[in-house]
Amino acid sequence: MGRSSEAGARIADLRKRRQLTQHGLAARANVSYSLLTKVESGSRPASEAFVAACARALGVDVVALTDQTPADGSTDGHLGELLVRVETQLDLYDLDPDESARPRPLDQLRSAVRQVNQVAQAAKYEQMAGLLPSLYAELHAAGHLWSGREQSEAWGLLAEAYRCAHTIGIATGYPDLSLIALSRMDWAAQNAADRAPGLRAAREYLRVTAYLRKHDYDTCWNLNAAGRAHLEGTDAKTPGSLVAAGQLNLGAAVLAARTGDASATSEYLDEASHYGRLTGDDLETFWFAFGPTNVAVHRVMTLIELGDYSHAVLLGEQMEFPAGWLPTRIGHHHFDMARAYERLNLPDDAMRHLQLARQAAPGQARRHPTVRSVVADLVRSARHPSDALTRYANWIGL
């Protein structure tokens, strides 16, 4: 039995358990009765949008209708299977909308995009991969079928949602998925009216982070300049422009630190601080968590990049995160601190911060290359590795 016919059978089974008729479920899900009967019988495939509508009507997650793997039995192999569906939706961006896709009202779509970004920033990658395909189909339909302000907002939301596939790709070792997601992000952002400049600049910042991992600094500088170019002619009233400008300065500070230019690093951080004073701590615009707290985190990060580990840990231990600050940003700070302590030959402190990174965002800590590098170095340098270090190494698969 194929995946689509399995979904149809599961829809039928849950509908009956909910004591709903086919007419009743069709009305509740806002789908065609004729299409529902065909999907349940297996004569028509169940599209992502159709499955999502039925899942909402039945009160279950999409994965309950598309996959049998229990959440607590998740593996990276299972994640890869889920990402095939995400990649399919990214590839089909240029087709006409799915005829079965009937978008929810704009306020509900805003909430759905916010939810998937919250899941992304908590590093719950399998859950995110389960949410994205149907959300893409729904937003894609809204972008094509709506008009006026609602249409441009739908395109902006689609750009934000595409960014999530970059997040999962870069975090879990699927770089091709990251690249195609950022390409689609820019495609959607161009139709987002006054949100376009900020979204397109944010996209260039995200491309910088991808090329940082490759140590391709010339490309990073070119992308940073492209991001700034998108913001030319904008002002404080342009949605997201201040956050994007501030984050581009943080990216430039990291680049300058990577190349050993302490003076330029300080200048970029000061410029970012200027924008941070204007925005305050803004968690949700592009989900950068930009603001004074993130500038402070980047001061620590750039000190580490410059090799000033003692100063970095002194500042880093004083960090206080606002309530609700993004888990992955907190986690990143802690494994940066672990790297600094490892370089200072203070393994107990390094281990303490590795544990804090795991507490903040375990999905991120288990996969991030910095964590893996620090743990490997700690194991190599320890004459007798502690039980905590051994357990941690086993947990990340070293």
Foldseek 3Di string as FASTA:
>chain_A
DDLQLQLLCLLVVLCVVVVHDLVRLCVLLVFDSVVSVCSNVPNDGQALQNLCSSCVSSVHASCSSRHDDDPVRDDVVVLVVLVVLVVVLLVCLPDAADPGADADDLVVLVVLLVVLVLCLLLLVRSSSSSSQNNSSSNLSNLLPPPDDLSNLVSLQSNLLSLCSQLSSCLQFPNNVSNVSSLVSSLVSLVSNPLQNLLSVLLSLLSVLVSCVVVVPLVSSVVSLVVSVVSLPPPDPPRPNSLVSQLSSLLSVLQSCLLVQNNVSNVVSLVVSQVSQVVPPQDCPSSNPSRHDLVSLLSVLLSCVSNVVLVVSLVSLVPRDDDPPHRLQSQLVSLLSNLVSCVVVVNNVSSLVSLVVSCVSRVSNSLRPPSNLVSLVSVVVPDPDDDPSSVVSCVSSPD
